[in-house]
Amino acid sequence: INDMGWYRQAPGKERELVARITSDLITNYAGSLKGRFTISRD
């Protein structure tokens, strides 16, 4: 498994990236969510 991520879609809106994490644990977040949301993997 390489990258893994979370996306979300609200009614009437496009699906958007929430967070993504690479196999070596590099993460990126939607700008407004960093600090509240944390992605991790095992």
PDB file of all heavy atoms in Angstrom:
ATOM      1  N   ILE A   1       0.844  -1.180   0.000  1.00  0.00           N
ATOM      2  CA  ILE A   1       0.000   0.000   0.000  1.00  0.00           C
ATOM      3  C   ILE A   1       0.883   1.233   0.000  1.00  0.00           C
ATOM      4  O   ILE A   1       1.768   1.366   0.845  1.00  0.00           O
ATOM      5  CB  ILE A   1      -0.938   0.041   1.223  1.00  0.00           C
ATOM      6  CG1 ILE A   1      -1.796  -1.220   1.282  1.00  0.00           C
ATOM      7  CG2 ILE A   1      -1.814   1.290   1.175  1.00  0.00           C
ATOM      8  CD1 ILE A   1      -2.702  -1.285   2.498  1.00  0.00           C
ATOM      9  N   ASN A   2       0.637   2.107  -0.941  1.00  0.00           N
ATOM     10  CA  ASN A   2       1.394   3.343  -1.001  1.00  0.00           C
ATOM     11  C   ASN A   2       0.637   4.428  -0.215  1.00  0.00           C
ATOM     12  O   ASN A   2       0.489   4.308   0.997  1.00  0.00           O
ATOM     13  CB  ASN A   2       1.630   3.753  -2.451  1.00  0.00           C
ATOM     14  CG  ASN A   2       2.737   4.777  -2.588  1.00  0.00           C
ATOM     15  OD1 ASN A   2       3.279   5.279  -1.606  1.00  0.00           O
ATOM     16  ND2 ASN A   2       3.091   5.111  -3.823  1.00  0.00           N
ATOM     17  N   ASP A   3       0.154   5.434  -0.890  1.00  0.00           N
ATOM     18  CA  ASP A   3      -0.552   6.498  -0.187  1.00  0.00           C
ATOM     19  C   ASP A   3      -1.916   6.045   0.292  1.00  0.00           C
ATOM     20  O   ASP A   3      -2.587   5.230  -0.342  1.00  0.00           O
ATOM     21  CB  ASP A   3      -0.729   7.717  -1.093  1.00  0.00           C
ATOM     22  CG  ASP A   3       0.579   8.389  -1.440  1.00  0.00           C
ATOM     23  OD1 ASP A   3       1.642   7.919  -0.998  1.00  0.00           O
ATOM     24  OD2 ASP A   3       0.533   9.400  -2.171  1.00  0.00           O
ATOM     25  N   MET A   4      -2.343   6.600   1.407  1.00  0.00           N
ATOM     26  CA  MET A   4      -3.689   6.417   1.913  1.00  0.00           C
ATOM     27  C   MET A   4      -4.234   7.784   2.296  1.00  0.00           C
ATOM     28  O   MET A   4      -3.465   8.690   2.634  1.00  0.00           O
ATOM     29  CB  MET A   4      -3.723   5.486   3.128  1.00  0.00           C
ATOM     30  CG  MET A   4      -3.090   4.127   2.890  1.00  0.00           C
ATOM     31  SD  MET A   4      -3.253   3.000   4.302  1.00  0.00           S
ATOM     32  CE  MET A   4      -4.937   2.419   4.056  1.00  0.00           C
ATOM     33  N   GLY A   5      -5.535   7.920   2.243  1.00  0.00           N
ATOM     34  CA  GLY A   5      -6.091   9.219   2.555  1.00  0.00           C
ATOM     35  C   GLY A   5      -7.544   9.174   2.953  1.00  0.00           C
ATOM     36  O   GLY A   5      -8.212   8.138   2.858  1.00  0.00           O
ATOM     37  N   TRP A   6      -7.999  10.319   3.409  1.00  0.00           N
ATOM     38  CA  TRP A   6      -9.387  10.533   3.744  1.00  0.00           C
ATOM     39  C   TRP A   6      -9.935  11.685   2.919  1.00  0.00           C
ATOM     40  O   TRP A   6      -9.282  12.728   2.792  1.00  0.00           O
ATOM     41  CB  TRP A   6      -9.569  10.841   5.231  1.00  0.00           C
ATOM     42  CG  TRP A   6      -9.320   9.670   6.114  1.00  0.00           C
ATOM     43  CD1 TRP A   6      -8.164   9.347   6.754  1.00  0.00           C
ATOM     44  CD2 TRP A   6     -10.265   8.657   6.461  1.00  0.00           C
ATOM     45  NE1 TRP A   6      -8.317   8.196   7.476  1.00  0.00           N
ATOM     46  CE2 TRP A   6      -9.599   7.747   7.317  1.00  0.00           C
ATOM     47  CE3 TRP A   6     -11.606   8.424   6.138  1.00  0.00           C
ATOM     48  CZ2 TRP A   6     -10.237   6.622   7.853  1.00  0.00           C
ATOM     49  CZ3 TRP A   6     -12.232   7.310   6.665  1.00  0.00           C
ATOM     50  CH2 TRP A   6     -11.547   6.431   7.513  1.00  0.00           C
ATOM     51  N   TYR A   7     -11.120  11.486   2.384  1.00  0.00           N
ATOM     52  CA  TYR A   7     -11.842  12.498   1.642  1.00  0.00           C
ATOM     53  C   TYR A   7     -13.238  12.613   2.227  1.00  0.00           C
ATOM     54  O   TYR A   7     -13.703  11.725   2.924  1.00  0.00           O
ATOM     55  CB  TYR A   7     -11.922  12.132   0.159  1.00  0.00           C
ATOM     56  CG  TYR A   7     -10.579  12.088  -0.538  1.00  0.00           C
ATOM     57  CD1 TYR A   7      -9.689  11.036  -0.321  1.00  0.00           C
ATOM     58  CD2 TYR A   7     -10.201  13.104  -1.417  1.00  0.00           C
ATOM     59  CE1 TYR A   7      -8.461  10.997  -0.951  1.00  0.00           C
ATOM     60  CE2 TYR A   7      -8.970  13.066  -2.059  1.00  0.00           C
ATOM     61  CZ  TYR A   7      -8.109  12.013  -1.823  1.00  0.00           C
ATOM     62  OH  TYR A   7      -6.891  11.972  -2.456  1.00  0.00           O
ATOM     63  N   ARG A   8     -13.891  13.703   1.931  1.00  0.00           N
ATOM     64  CA  ARG A   8     -15.252  13.852   2.411  1.00  0.00           C
ATOM     65  C   ARG A   8     -16.109  14.552   1.370  1.00  0.00           C
ATOM     66  O   ARG A   8     -15.610  15.288   0.529  1.00  0.00           O
ATOM     67  CB  ARG A   8     -15.300  14.624   3.735  1.00  0.00           C
ATOM     68  CG  ARG A   8     -14.940  16.100   3.632  1.00  0.00           C
ATOM     69  CD  ARG A   8     -14.922  16.737   5.010  1.00  0.00           C
ATOM     70  NE  ARG A   8     -14.656  18.167   4.952  1.00  0.00           N
ATOM     71  CZ  ARG A   8     -14.508  18.939   6.017  1.00  0.00           C
ATOM     72  NH1 ARG A   8     -14.596  18.408   7.242  1.00  0.00           N
ATOM     73  NH2 ARG A   8     -14.267  20.238   5.872  1.00  0.00           N
ATOM     74  N   GLN A   9     -17.397  14.298   1.460  1.00  0.00           N
ATOM     75  CA  GLN A   9     -18.339  14.921   0.554  1.00  0.00           C
ATOM     76  C   GLN A   9     -19.610  15.265   1.314  1.00  0.00           C
ATOM     77  O   GLN A   9     -20.246  14.394   1.904  1.00  0.00           O
ATOM     78  CB  GLN A   9     -18.661  14.019  -0.628  1.00  0.00           C
ATOM     79  CG  GLN A   9     -19.513  14.696  -1.690  1.00  0.00           C
ATOM     80  CD  GLN A   9     -19.547  13.908  -2.981  1.00  0.00           C
ATOM     81  OE1 GLN A   9     -19.286  12.706  -2.998  1.00  0.00           O
ATOM     82  NE2 GLN A   9     -19.860  14.586  -4.077  1.00  0.00           N
ATOM     83  N   ALA A  10     -19.946  16.529   1.303  1.00  0.00           N
ATOM     84  CA  ALA A  10     -21.166  17.012   1.921  1.00  0.00           C
ATOM     85  C   ALA A  10     -22.222  17.220   0.845  1.00  0.00           C
ATOM     86  O   ALA A  10     -21.893  17.404  -0.332  1.00  0.00           O
ATOM     87  CB  ALA A  10     -20.905  18.314   2.670  1.00  0.00           C
ATOM     88  N   PRO A  11     -23.495  17.200   1.217  1.00  0.00           N
ATOM     89  CA  PRO A  11     -24.552  17.419   0.227  1.00  0.00           C
ATOM     90  C   PRO A  11     -24.362  18.721  -0.537  1.00  0.00           C
ATOM     91  O   PRO A  11     -24.119  19.773   0.054  1.00  0.00           O
ATOM     92  CB  PRO A  11     -25.822  17.461   1.083  1.00  0.00           C
ATOM     93  CG  PRO A  11     -25.485  16.640   2.284  1.00  0.00           C
ATOM     94  CD  PRO A  11     -24.035  16.931   2.556  1.00  0.00           C
ATOM     95  N   GLY A  12     -24.452  18.637  -1.856  1.00  0.00           N
ATOM     96  CA  GLY A  12     -24.317  19.816  -2.684  1.00  0.00           C
ATOM     97  C   GLY A  12     -22.903  20.288  -2.914  1.00  0.00           C
ATOM     98  O   GLY A  12     -22.704  21.330  -3.547  1.00  0.00           O
ATOM     99  N   LYS A  13     -21.929  19.551  -2.424  1.00  0.00           N
ATOM    100  CA  LYS A  13     -20.539  19.950  -2.583  1.00  0.00           C
ATOM    101  C   LYS A  13     -19.729  18.860  -3.265  1.00  0.00           C
ATOM    102  O   LYS A  13     -20.121  17.691  -3.298  1.00  0.00           O
ATOM    103  CB  LYS A  13     -19.918  20.274  -1.223  1.00  0.00           C
ATOM    104  CG  LYS A  13     -20.509  21.487  -0.527  1.00  0.00           C
ATOM    105  CD  LYS A  13     -19.747  21.823   0.736  1.00  0.00           C
ATOM    106  CE  LYS A  13     -20.287  23.075   1.399  1.00  0.00           C
ATOM    107  NZ  LYS A  13     -19.523  23.412   2.632  1.00  0.00           N
ATOM    108  N   GLU A  14     -18.593  19.266  -3.800  1.00  0.00           N
ATOM    109  CA  GLU A  14     -17.672  18.323  -4.407  1.00  0.00           C
ATOM    110  C   GLU A  14     -16.934  17.543  -3.327  1.00  0.00           C
ATOM    111  O   GLU A  14     -16.746  18.021  -2.207  1.00  0.00           O
ATOM    112  CB  GLU A  14     -16.665  19.050  -5.292  1.00  0.00           C
ATOM    113  CG  GLU A  14     -17.260  19.796  -6.473  1.00  0.00           C
ATOM    114  CD  GLU A  14     -17.728  18.866  -7.556  1.00  0.00           C
ATOM    115  OE1 GLU A  14     -17.153  17.765  -7.691  1.00  0.00           O
ATOM    116  OE2 GLU A  14     -18.679  19.218  -8.267  1.00  0.00           O
ATOM    117  N   ARG A  15     -16.531  16.346  -3.678  1.00  0.00           N
ATOM    118  CA  ARG A  15     -15.684  15.584  -2.782  1.00  0.00           C
ATOM    119  C   ARG A  15     -14.345  16.296  -2.640  1.00  0.00           C
ATOM    120  O   ARG A  15     -13.756  16.751  -3.626  1.00  0.00           O
ATOM    121  CB  ARG A  15     -15.486  14.166  -3.312  1.00  0.00           C
ATOM    122  CG  ARG A  15     -14.697  13.260  -2.384  1.00  0.00           C
ATOM    123  CD  ARG A  15     -14.696  11.835  -2.891  1.00  0.00           C
ATOM    124  NE  ARG A  15     -14.096  11.736  -4.214  1.00  0.00           N
ATOM    125  CZ  ARG A  15     -14.121  10.647  -4.965  1.00  0.00           C
ATOM    126  NH1 ARG A  15     -14.728   9.550  -4.516  1.00  0.00           N
ATOM    127  NH2 ARG A  15     -13.549  10.647  -6.165  1.00  0.00           N
ATOM    128  N   GLU A  16     -13.869  16.391  -1.429  1.00  0.00           N
ATOM    129  CA  GLU A  16     -12.640  17.119  -1.181  1.00  0.00           C
ATOM    130  C   GLU A  16     -11.667  16.315  -0.331  1.00  0.00           C
ATOM    131  O   GLU A  16     -12.060  15.470   0.475  1.00  0.00           O
ATOM    132  CB  GLU A  16     -12.941  18.454  -0.485  1.00  0.00           C
ATOM    133  CG  GLU A  16     -13.556  18.307   0.895  1.00  0.00           C
ATOM    134  CD  GLU A  16     -13.778  19.637   1.592  1.00  0.00           C
ATOM    135  OE1 GLU A  16     -13.349  20.677   1.059  1.00  0.00           O
ATOM    136  OE2 GLU A  16     -14.391  19.632   2.681  1.00  0.00           O
ATOM    137  N   LEU A  17     -10.420  16.618  -0.527  1.00  0.00           N
ATOM    138  CA  LEU A  17      -9.378  15.993   0.272  1.00  0.00           C
ATOM    139  C   LEU A  17      -9.446  16.494   1.705  1.00  0.00           C
ATOM    140  O   LEU A  17      -9.566  17.694   1.952  1.00  0.00           O
ATOM    141  CB  LEU A  17      -8.004  16.316  -0.315  1.00  0.00           C
ATOM    142  CG  LEU A  17      -6.794  15.918   0.542  1.00  0.00           C
ATOM    143  CD1 LEU A  17      -6.647  14.409   0.572  1.00  0.00           C
ATOM    144  CD2 LEU A  17      -5.527  16.581   0.011  1.00  0.00           C
ATOM    145  N   VAL A  18      -9.360  15.576   2.632  1.00  0.00           N
ATOM    146  CA  VAL A  18      -9.236  15.916   4.042  1.00  0.00           C
ATOM    147  C   VAL A  18      -7.780  15.796   4.476  1.00  0.00           C
ATOM    148  O   VAL A  18      -7.195  16.736   5.020  1.00  0.00           O
ATOM    149  CB  VAL A  18     -10.128  15.023   4.920  1.00  0.00           C
ATOM    150  CG1 VAL A  18      -9.891  15.309   6.401  1.00  0.00           C
ATOM    151  CG2 VAL A  18     -11.596  15.227   4.561  1.00  0.00           C
ATOM    152  N   ALA A  19      -7.203  14.637   4.242  1.00  0.00           N
ATOM    153  CA  ALA A  19      -5.822  14.391   4.627  1.00  0.00           C
ATOM    154  C   ALA A  19      -5.288  13.215   3.840  1.00  0.00           C
ATOM    155  O   ALA A  19      -6.045  12.353   3.394  1.00  0.00           O
ATOM    156  CB  ALA A  19      -5.705  14.114   6.125  1.00  0.00           C
ATOM    157  N   ARG A  20      -3.981  13.191   3.689  1.00  0.00           N
ATOM    158  CA  ARG A  20      -3.350  12.103   2.993  1.00  0.00           C
ATOM    159  C   ARG A  20      -2.030  11.781   3.670  1.00  0.00           C
ATOM    160  O   ARG A  20      -1.373  12.670   4.219  1.00  0.00           O
ATOM    161  CB  ARG A  20      -3.125  12.454   1.520  1.00  0.00           C
ATOM    162  CG  ARG A  20      -2.847  11.252   0.634  1.00  0.00           C
ATOM    163  CD  ARG A  20      -3.314  11.502  -0.792  1.00  0.00           C
ATOM    164  NE  ARG A  20      -3.127  10.318  -1.613  1.00  0.00           N
ATOM    165  CZ  ARG A  20      -3.997   9.317  -1.691  1.00  0.00           C
ATOM    166  NH1 ARG A  20      -5.129   9.365  -0.999  1.00  0.00           N
ATOM    167  NH2 ARG A  20      -3.750   8.272  -2.469  1.00  0.00           N
ATOM    168  N   ILE A  21      -1.642  10.511   3.617  1.00  0.00           N
ATOM    169  CA  ILE A  21      -0.414  10.078   4.265  1.00  0.00           C
ATOM    170  C   ILE A  21       0.283   9.059   3.383  1.00  0.00           C
ATOM    171  O   ILE A  21      -0.337   8.141   2.852  1.00  0.00           O
ATOM    172  CB  ILE A  21      -0.707   9.511   5.674  1.00  0.00           C
ATOM    173  CG1 ILE A  21       0.590   9.139   6.392  1.00  0.00           C
ATOM    174  CG2 ILE A  21      -1.673   8.331   5.603  1.00  0.00           C
ATOM    175  CD1 ILE A  21       0.378   8.847   7.871  1.00  0.00           C
ATOM    176  N   THR A  22       1.583   9.226   3.223  1.00  0.00           N
ATOM    177  CA  THR A  22       2.360   8.311   2.405  1.00  0.00           C
ATOM    178  C   THR A  22       2.801   7.116   3.227  1.00  0.00           C
ATOM    179  O   THR A  22       2.628   7.070   4.445  1.00  0.00           O
ATOM    180  CB  THR A  22       3.591   9.007   1.811  1.00  0.00           C
ATOM    181  OG1 THR A  22       4.515   9.322   2.865  1.00  0.00           O
ATOM    182  CG2 THR A  22       3.202  10.287   1.086  1.00  0.00           C
ATOM    183  N   SER A  23       3.395   6.153   2.554  1.00  0.00           N
ATOM    184  CA  SER A  23       3.849   4.955   3.237  1.00  0.00           C
ATOM    185  C   SER A  23       4.975   5.242   4.227  1.00  0.00           C
ATOM    186  O   SER A  23       5.163   4.476   5.176  1.00  0.00           O
ATOM    187  CB  SER A  23       4.300   3.898   2.233  1.00  0.00           C
ATOM    188  OG  SER A  23       5.358   4.378   1.425  1.00  0.00           O
ATOM    189  N   ASP A  24       5.704   6.325   4.011  1.00  0.00           N
ATOM    190  CA  ASP A  24       6.754   6.713   4.952  1.00  0.00           C
ATOM    191  C   ASP A  24       6.306   7.853   5.866  1.00  0.00           C
ATOM    192  O   ASP A  24       7.127   8.585   6.416  1.00  0.00           O
ATOM    193  CB  ASP A  24       8.049   7.060   4.228  1.00  0.00           C
ATOM    194  CG  ASP A  24       7.891   8.143   3.189  1.00  0.00           C
ATOM    195  OD1 ASP A  24       6.739   8.502   2.858  1.00  0.00           O
ATOM    196  OD2 ASP A  24       8.920   8.638   2.694  1.00  0.00           O
ATOM    197  N   LEU A  25       4.989   8.009   6.004  1.00  0.00           N
ATOM    198  CA  LEU A  25       4.362   8.839   7.028  1.00  0.00           C
ATOM    199  C   LEU A  25       4.445  10.340   6.774  1.00  0.00           C
ATOM    200  O   LEU A  25       4.306  11.139   7.706  1.00  0.00           O
ATOM    201  CB  LEU A  25       4.921   8.514   8.414  1.00  0.00           C
ATOM    202  CG  LEU A  25       4.896   7.033   8.805  1.00  0.00           C
ATOM    203  CD1 LEU A  25       5.375   6.855  10.232  1.00  0.00           C
ATOM    204  CD2 LEU A  25       3.496   6.445   8.632  1.00  0.00           C
ATOM    205  N   ILE A  26       4.629  10.727   5.533  1.00  0.00           N
ATOM    206  CA  ILE A  26       4.522  12.134   5.182  1.00  0.00           C
ATOM    207  C   ILE A  26       3.047  12.474   5.023  1.00  0.00           C
ATOM    208  O   ILE A  26       2.313  11.773   4.327  1.00  0.00           O
ATOM    209  CB  ILE A  26       5.295  12.453   3.899  1.00  0.00           C
ATOM    210  CG1 ILE A  26       6.784  12.159   4.088  1.00  0.00           C
ATOM    211  CG2 ILE A  26       5.087  13.909   3.494  1.00  0.00           C
ATOM    212  CD1 ILE A  26       7.597  12.275   2.823  1.00  0.00           C
ATOM    213  N   THR A  27       2.609  13.537   5.645  1.00  0.00           N
ATOM    214  CA  THR A  27       1.199  13.891   5.651  1.00  0.00           C
ATOM    215  C   THR A  27       0.949  15.229   4.995  1.00  0.00           C
ATOM    216  O   THR A  27       1.827  16.100   4.930  1.00  0.00           O
ATOM    217  CB  THR A  27       0.652  13.943   7.084  1.00  0.00           C
ATOM    218  OG1 THR A  27       1.374  14.934   7.835  1.00  0.00           O
ATOM    219  CG2 THR A  27       0.806  12.600   7.774  1.00  0.00           C
ATOM    220  N   ASN A  28      -0.262  15.389   4.516  1.00  0.00           N
ATOM    221  CA  ASN A  28      -0.731  16.690   4.092  1.00  0.00           C
ATOM    222  C   ASN A  28      -2.226  16.789   4.393  1.00  0.00           C
ATOM    223  O   ASN A  28      -2.940  15.789   4.386  1.00  0.00           O
ATOM    224  CB  ASN A  28      -0.427  16.974   2.619  1.00  0.00           C
ATOM    225  CG  ASN A  28      -1.268  16.153   1.672  1.00  0.00           C
ATOM    226  OD1 ASN A  28      -1.074  14.949   1.520  1.00  0.00           O
ATOM    227  ND2 ASN A  28      -2.218  16.822   1.001  1.00  0.00           N
ATOM    228  N   TYR A  29      -2.669  18.003   4.655  1.00  0.00           N
ATOM    229  CA  TYR A  29      -4.035  18.252   5.074  1.00  0.00           C
ATOM    230  C   TYR A  29      -4.643  19.395   4.286  1.00  0.00           C
ATOM    231  O   TYR A  29      -3.923  20.268   3.781  1.00  0.00           O
ATOM    232  CB  TYR A  29      -4.087  18.638   6.556  1.00  0.00           C
ATOM    233  CG  TYR A  29      -3.571  17.593   7.511  1.00  0.00           C
ATOM    234  CD1 TYR A  29      -2.224  17.511   7.811  1.00  0.00           C
ATOM    235  CD2 TYR A  29      -4.443  16.707   8.126  1.00  0.00           C
ATOM    236  CE1 TYR A  29      -1.745  16.559   8.693  1.00  0.00           C
ATOM    237  CE2 TYR A  29      -3.979  15.751   9.016  1.00  0.00           C
ATOM    238  CZ  TYR A  29      -2.629  15.679   9.292  1.00  0.00           C
ATOM    239  OH  TYR A  29      -2.159  14.744  10.176  1.00  0.00           O
ATOM    240  N   ALA A  30      -5.945  19.388   4.213  1.00  0.00           N
ATOM    241  CA  ALA A  30      -6.629  20.593   3.791  1.00  0.00           C
ATOM    242  C   ALA A  30      -6.259  21.698   4.775  1.00  0.00           C
ATOM    243  O   ALA A  30      -6.234  21.468   5.985  1.00  0.00           O
ATOM    244  CB  ALA A  30      -8.135  20.388   3.763  1.00  0.00           C
ATOM    245  N   GLY A  31      -5.965  22.876   4.250  1.00  0.00           N
ATOM    246  CA  GLY A  31      -5.410  23.929   5.078  1.00  0.00           C
ATOM    247  C   GLY A  31      -6.220  24.280   6.310  1.00  0.00           C
ATOM    248  O   GLY A  31      -5.658  24.530   7.392  1.00  0.00           O
ATOM    249  N   SER A  32      -7.530  24.283   6.179  1.00  0.00           N
ATOM    250  CA  SER A  32      -8.376  24.676   7.295  1.00  0.00           C
ATOM    251  C   SER A  32      -8.518  23.597   8.357  1.00  0.00           C
ATOM    252  O   SER A  32      -9.037  23.861   9.442  1.00  0.00           O
ATOM    253  CB  SER A  32      -9.766  25.066   6.782  1.00  0.00           C
ATOM    254  OG  SER A  32     -10.404  23.967   6.160  1.00  0.00           O
ATOM    255  N   LEU A  33      -8.071  22.401   8.069  1.00  0.00           N
ATOM    256  CA  LEU A  33      -8.268  21.275   8.977  1.00  0.00           C
ATOM    257  C   LEU A  33      -7.033  20.917   9.795  1.00  0.00           C
ATOM    258  O   LEU A  33      -7.148  20.233  10.817  1.00  0.00           O
ATOM    259  CB  LEU A  33      -8.720  20.044   8.200  1.00  0.00           C
ATOM    260  CG  LEU A  33     -10.017  20.203   7.408  1.00  0.00           C
ATOM    261  CD1 LEU A  33     -10.357  18.905   6.690  1.00  0.00           C
ATOM    262  CD2 LEU A  33     -11.163  20.607   8.325  1.00  0.00           C
ATOM    263  N   LYS A  34      -5.883  21.336   9.342  1.00  0.00           N
ATOM    264  CA  LYS A  34      -4.666  21.014  10.067  1.00  0.00           C
ATOM    265  C   LYS A  34      -4.729  21.622  11.462  1.00  0.00           C
ATOM    266  O   LYS A  34      -5.034  22.791  11.638  1.00  0.00           O
ATOM    267  CB  LYS A  34      -3.444  21.528   9.320  1.00  0.00           C
ATOM    268  CG  LYS A  34      -2.130  21.037   9.902  1.00  0.00           C
ATOM    269  CD  LYS A  34      -0.946  21.438   9.036  1.00  0.00           C
ATOM    270  CE  LYS A  34       0.356  20.867   9.563  1.00  0.00           C
ATOM    271  NZ  LYS A  34       1.508  21.225   8.708  1.00  0.00           N
ATOM    272  N   GLY A  35      -4.449  20.796  12.447  1.00  0.00           N
ATOM    273  CA  GLY A  35      -4.548  21.222  13.830  1.00  0.00           C
ATOM    274  C   GLY A  35      -5.744  20.614  14.531  1.00  0.00           C
ATOM    275  O   GLY A  35      -5.710  20.404  15.747  1.00  0.00           O
ATOM    276  N   ARG A  36      -6.806  20.340  13.793  1.00  0.00           N
ATOM    277  CA  ARG A  36      -7.976  19.667  14.344  1.00  0.00           C
ATOM    278  C   ARG A  36      -8.021  18.198  13.957  1.00  0.00           C
ATOM    279  O   ARG A  36      -8.467  17.367  14.737  1.00  0.00           O
ATOM    280  CB  ARG A  36      -9.266  20.343  13.880  1.00  0.00           C
ATOM    281  CG  ARG A  36      -9.461  21.751  14.394  1.00  0.00           C
ATOM    282  CD  ARG A  36     -10.920  22.195  14.218  1.00  0.00           C
ATOM    283  NE  ARG A  36     -11.324  22.221  12.811  1.00  0.00           N
ATOM    284  CZ  ARG A  36     -12.317  21.500  12.297  1.00  0.00           C
ATOM    285  NH1 ARG A  36     -13.024  20.681  13.081  1.00  0.00           N
ATOM    286  NH2 ARG A  36     -12.628  21.589  11.007  1.00  0.00           N
ATOM    287  N   PHE A  37      -7.577  17.898  12.744  1.00  0.00           N
ATOM    288  CA  PHE A  37      -7.604  16.533  12.234  1.00  0.00           C
ATOM    289  C   PHE A  37      -6.183  15.990  12.162  1.00  0.00           C
ATOM    290  O   PHE A  37      -5.246  16.714  11.802  1.00  0.00           O
ATOM    291  CB  PHE A  37      -8.218  16.479  10.834  1.00  0.00           C
ATOM    292  CG  PHE A  37      -9.702  16.719  10.782  1.00  0.00           C
ATOM    293  CD1 PHE A  37     -10.400  17.239  11.855  1.00  0.00           C
ATOM    294  CD2 PHE A  37     -10.399  16.408   9.626  1.00  0.00           C
ATOM    295  CE1 PHE A  37     -11.767  17.461  11.804  1.00  0.00           C
ATOM    296  CE2 PHE A  37     -11.760  16.616   9.549  1.00  0.00           C
ATOM    297  CZ  PHE A  37     -12.452  17.141  10.640  1.00  0.00           C
ATOM    298  N   THR A  38      -6.041  14.723  12.476  1.00  0.00           N
ATOM    299  CA  THR A  38      -4.753  14.065  12.404  1.00  0.00           C
ATOM    300  C   THR A  38      -4.905  12.710  11.730  1.00  0.00           C
ATOM    301  O   THR A  38      -5.685  11.874  12.184  1.00  0.00           O
ATOM    302  CB  THR A  38      -4.134  13.868  13.801  1.00  0.00           C
ATOM    303  OG1 THR A  38      -4.006  15.129  14.458  1.00  0.00           O
ATOM    304  CG2 THR A  38      -2.757  13.234  13.684  1.00  0.00           C
ATOM    305  N   ILE A  39      -4.165  12.514  10.665  1.00  0.00           N
ATOM    306  CA  ILE A  39      -4.177  11.234   9.981  1.00  0.00           C
ATOM    307  C   ILE A  39      -2.979  10.412  10.430  1.00  0.00           C
ATOM    308  O   ILE A  39      -1.899  10.948  10.676  1.00  0.00           O
ATOM    309  CB  ILE A  39      -4.177  11.423   8.447  1.00  0.00           C
ATOM    310  CG1 ILE A  39      -4.404  10.085   7.737  1.00  0.00           C
ATOM    311  CG2 ILE A  39      -2.897  12.095   7.965  1.00  0.00           C
ATOM    312  CD1 ILE A  39      -4.647  10.231   6.232  1.00  0.00           C
ATOM    313  N   SER A  40      -3.174   9.124  10.544  1.00  0.00           N
ATOM    314  CA  SER A  40      -2.102   8.223  10.905  1.00  0.00           C
ATOM    315  C   SER A  40      -2.356   6.872  10.248  1.00  0.00           C
ATOM    316  O   SER A  40      -3.436   6.627   9.712  1.00  0.00           O
ATOM    317  CB  SER A  40      -1.984   8.075  12.430  1.00  0.00           C
ATOM    318  OG  SER A  40      -3.176   7.536  12.980  1.00  0.00           O
ATOM    319  N   ARG A  41      -1.371   6.012  10.295  1.00  0.00           N
ATOM    320  CA  ARG A  41      -1.543   4.695   9.697  1.00  0.00           C
ATOM    321  C   ARG A  41      -0.710   3.667  10.426  1.00  0.00           C
ATOM    322  O   ARG A  41       0.276   3.990  11.102  1.00  0.00           O
ATOM    323  CB  ARG A  41      -1.182   4.715   8.206  1.00  0.00           C
ATOM    324  CG  ARG A  41       0.281   5.010   7.909  1.00  0.00           C
ATOM    325  CD  ARG A  41       0.516   5.215   6.416  1.00  0.00           C
ATOM    326  NE  ARG A  41       0.431   3.972   5.658  1.00  0.00           N
ATOM    327  CZ  ARG A  41       0.413   3.904   4.334  1.00  0.00           C
ATOM    328  NH1 ARG A  41       0.435   5.018   3.608  1.00  0.00           N
ATOM    329  NH2 ARG A  41       0.349   2.720   3.726  1.00  0.00           N
ATOM    330  N   ASP A  42      -1.127   2.434  10.273  1.00  0.00           N
ATOM    331  CA  ASP A  42      -0.409   1.298  10.813  1.00  0.00           C
ATOM    332  C   ASP A  42      -0.131   0.380   9.638  1.00  0.00           C
ATOM    333  O   ASP A  42      -1.011  -0.350   9.182  1.00  0.00           O
ATOM    334  CB  ASP A  42      -1.232   0.586  11.889  1.00  0.00           C
ATOM    335  CG  ASP A  42      -0.465  -0.523  12.579  1.00  0.00           C
ATOM    336  OD1 ASP A  42       0.453  -1.096  11.973  1.00  0.00           O
ATOM    337  OD2 ASP A  42      -0.785  -0.821  13.744  1.00  0.00           O
TER     338      ASP A  42
END
